[in-house]
Amino acid sequence: MSAGAFPGRLLGVDYGLKVIGLAISDPTGLLARPLDLLRRTSKREDFAHIYTVIATHGAVGLVVGLPESPPHITVYTQADRVRLWASRLAAAVEAPVYLWNERYSTQEAGELLAEAGRERPGRIDAVAAAVILQSFLDARRAGEPWPEPVAPAQE
């Protein structure tokens, strides 16, 4: 995507092995808010649910949190798992998928809830997705270029 007017709503995604947190931005790209928790069942059903959320909210792109691994770690990591999942997601939806560093998003989500005087729910994945998405939106407003979209998997 290029500079200029913000293209519309983005869907934030906090990928987990059991739960996927979802967040949505406003159409101007100013604010992100928690949206939903998706309890994982199968790749097909998960992607169908996300596709429905995209259509319902008119999202024009997705931002998937990427847990960066330290460079000295060479085994298969959660970041590798997220990259593969994001490429499969990119093949299943008709919107660009972007990866964005999610470092400390869950911790920050917990701190935000505490600052707001709200009790931490059992799952804060949707709040973490909003933190990831808000970080992405803030970077766009600060003038950082859009990252390259994830290439769809060729499976």
Protein backbone atom coordinates (compact mmCIF):
# COMPACT_ATOMS: atom_id res chain seq x y z
CA MET A 1 0.00 0.00 0.00
CA SER A 2 1.20 3.49 -0.62
CA ALA A 3 1.27 6.77 1.23
CA GLY A 4 -1.76 9.04 1.18
CA ALA A 5 -5.22 8.41 2.54
CA PHE A 6 -5.50 5.38 4.78
CA PRO A 7 -7.02 2.50 2.78
CA GLY A 8 -9.62 1.42 5.38
CA ARG A 9 -10.11 -0.96 8.29
CA LEU A 10 -7.39 -3.45 9.16
CA LEU A 11 -7.85 -6.67 11.09
CA GLY A 12 -5.25 -7.44 13.75
CA VAL A 13 -4.44 -11.06 14.49
CA ASP A 14 -2.71 -12.56 17.53
CA TYR A 15 -2.04 -16.15 16.45
CA GLY A 16 -1.99 -18.84 19.11
CA LEU A 17 -2.04 -22.62 19.08
CA LYS A 18 -5.44 -22.77 20.82
CA VAL A 19 -6.89 -19.27 20.44
CA ILE A 20 -6.61 -16.49 17.87
CA GLY A 21 -7.18 -12.95 19.10
CA LEU A 22 -8.77 -10.52 16.66
CA ALA A 23 -8.83 -6.72 16.68
CA ILE A 24 -10.14 -4.13 14.21
CA SER A 25 -9.07 -0.61 13.34
CA ASP A 26 -11.28 2.33 12.54
CA PRO A 27 -11.45 3.21 8.81
CA THR A 28 -8.95 6.07 9.19
CA GLY A 29 -6.23 3.91 10.75
CA LEU A 30 -6.15 5.92 13.96
CA LEU A 31 -7.33 3.43 16.60
CA ALA A 32 -7.42 -0.32 17.11
CA ARG A 33 -9.82 -2.09 19.44
CA PRO A 34 -10.23 -5.71 20.56
CA LEU A 35 -12.85 -7.55 18.55
CA ASP A 36 -13.14 -11.27 19.15
CA LEU A 37 -11.55 -14.51 20.32
CA LEU A 38 -11.50 -17.42 17.92
CA ARG A 39 -11.09 -20.83 19.53
CA ARG A 40 -9.14 -22.83 16.99
CA THR A 41 -10.74 -25.91 15.48
CA SER A 42 -9.29 -26.59 12.03
CA LYS A 43 -7.36 -24.51 9.54
CA ARG A 44 -10.35 -24.55 7.17
CA GLU A 45 -12.86 -23.42 9.81
CA ASP A 46 -10.47 -20.87 11.31
CA PHE A 47 -9.82 -19.28 7.91
CA ALA A 48 -13.54 -19.33 7.07
CA HIS A 49 -14.26 -17.49 10.33
CA ILE A 50 -11.56 -14.91 9.62
CA TYR A 51 -12.89 -14.51 6.06
CA THR A 52 -16.35 -13.78 7.51
CA VAL A 53 -14.91 -11.21 9.94
CA ILE A 54 -13.10 -9.51 7.03
CA ALA A 55 -16.34 -9.33 5.04
CA THR A 56 -18.47 -8.22 8.01
CA HIS A 57 -16.15 -5.35 8.96
CA GLY A 58 -14.94 -4.44 5.48
CA ALA A 59 -11.29 -5.04 6.38
CA VAL A 60 -8.86 -4.27 3.55
CA GLY A 61 -5.85 -6.01 5.10
CA LEU A 62 -4.65 -8.13 8.01
CA VAL A 63 -1.80 -7.57 10.44
CA VAL A 64 -0.52 -10.77 12.02
CA GLY A 65 1.71 -10.53 15.08
CA LEU A 66 5.12 -12.12 14.56
CA PRO A 67 7.00 -13.26 17.68
CA GLU A 68 10.58 -12.45 16.67
CA SER A 69 13.12 -15.01 17.85
CA PRO A 70 16.62 -14.14 18.98
CA PRO A 71 19.11 -14.62 16.12
CA HIS A 72 21.02 -17.37 17.93
CA ILE A 73 17.97 -19.68 17.95
CA THR A 74 18.15 -21.97 14.95
CA VAL A 75 15.49 -24.58 15.71
CA TYR A 76 11.91 -24.37 14.45
CA THR A 77 10.34 -21.51 16.40
CA GLN A 78 6.92 -19.99 16.99
CA ALA A 79 7.94 -17.30 14.49
CA ASP A 80 8.42 -20.00 11.83
CA ARG A 81 5.00 -21.43 12.71
CA VAL A 82 3.38 -17.97 12.41
CA ARG A 83 5.08 -17.27 9.05
CA LEU A 84 3.76 -20.56 7.64
CA TRP A 85 0.26 -19.95 9.04
CA ALA A 86 0.23 -16.37 7.68
CA SER A 87 1.19 -17.58 4.20
CA ARG A 88 -1.65 -20.10 4.31
CA LEU A 89 -4.00 -17.37 5.53
CA ALA A 90 -2.86 -15.11 2.67
CA ALA A 91 -3.86 -17.88 0.24
CA ALA A 92 -7.30 -18.22 1.88
CA VAL A 93 -8.39 -14.57 1.99
CA GLU A 94 -8.67 -11.83 -0.60
CA ALA A 95 -6.79 -9.18 1.39
CA PRO A 96 -3.08 -8.57 1.92
CA VAL A 97 -1.55 -10.08 5.06
CA TYR A 98 1.30 -8.26 6.81
CA LEU A 99 3.57 -9.54 9.57
CA TRP A 100 4.35 -7.18 12.44
CA ASN A 101 6.60 -7.63 15.45
CA GLU A 102 4.47 -8.57 18.45
CA ARG A 103 7.18 -8.51 21.10
CA TYR A 104 5.67 -7.94 24.56
CA SER A 105 2.13 -7.51 23.18
CA THR A 106 0.55 -9.82 25.76
CA GLN A 107 2.46 -8.13 28.59
CA GLU A 108 1.45 -4.70 27.29
CA ALA A 109 -2.18 -5.83 26.97
CA GLY A 110 -2.16 -6.88 30.63
CA GLU A 111 -0.64 -3.55 31.66
CA LEU A 112 -3.27 -1.60 29.67
CA LEU A 113 -6.08 -3.51 31.35
CA ALA A 114 -4.54 -2.86 34.78
CA GLU A 115 -4.12 0.86 34.05
CA ALA A 116 -7.76 1.03 33.02
CA GLY A 117 -8.74 -0.62 36.30
CA ARG A 118 -10.19 -3.60 34.49
CA GLU A 119 -9.77 -7.14 35.66
CA ARG A 120 -7.66 -9.28 33.39
CA PRO A 121 -9.89 -11.81 31.62
CA GLY A 122 -8.85 -15.45 31.30
CA ARG A 123 -7.76 -14.80 27.71
CA ILE A 124 -6.39 -11.44 26.63
CA ASP A 125 -5.57 -12.45 23.06
CA ALA A 126 -8.00 -9.93 21.50
CA VAL A 127 -6.44 -7.13 23.57
CA ALA A 128 -2.97 -8.34 22.48
CA ALA A 129 -4.20 -8.27 18.85
CA ALA A 130 -5.27 -4.65 19.40
CA VAL A 131 -1.82 -3.82 20.82
CA ILE A 132 -0.15 -5.37 17.75
CA LEU A 133 -2.50 -3.56 15.38
CA GLN A 134 -2.13 -0.23 17.20
CA SER A 135 1.67 -0.51 16.95
CA PHE A 136 1.31 -1.10 13.20
CA LEU A 137 -1.04 1.88 12.82
CA ASP A 138 1.26 4.14 14.86
CA ALA A 139 4.20 3.20 12.63
CA ARG A 140 2.22 4.09 9.49
CA ARG A 141 1.29 7.49 11.00
CA ALA A 142 4.96 8.05 11.89
CA GLY A 143 5.80 7.67 8.21
CA GLU A 144 7.19 4.14 8.19
CA PRO A 145 6.52 2.44 4.84
CA TRP A 146 4.08 -0.41 4.54
CA PRO A 147 5.83 -3.78 4.82
CA GLU A 148 5.69 -6.23 1.95
CA PRO A 149 2.62 -8.45 2.14
CA VAL A 150 3.09 -12.14 2.93
CA ALA A 151 3.32 -14.32 -0.19
CA PRO A 152 0.41 -16.78 -0.33
CA ALA A 153 1.34 -20.42 0.25
CA GLN A 154 1.43 -22.57 -2.87
CA GLU A 155 0.02 -25.76 -1.35
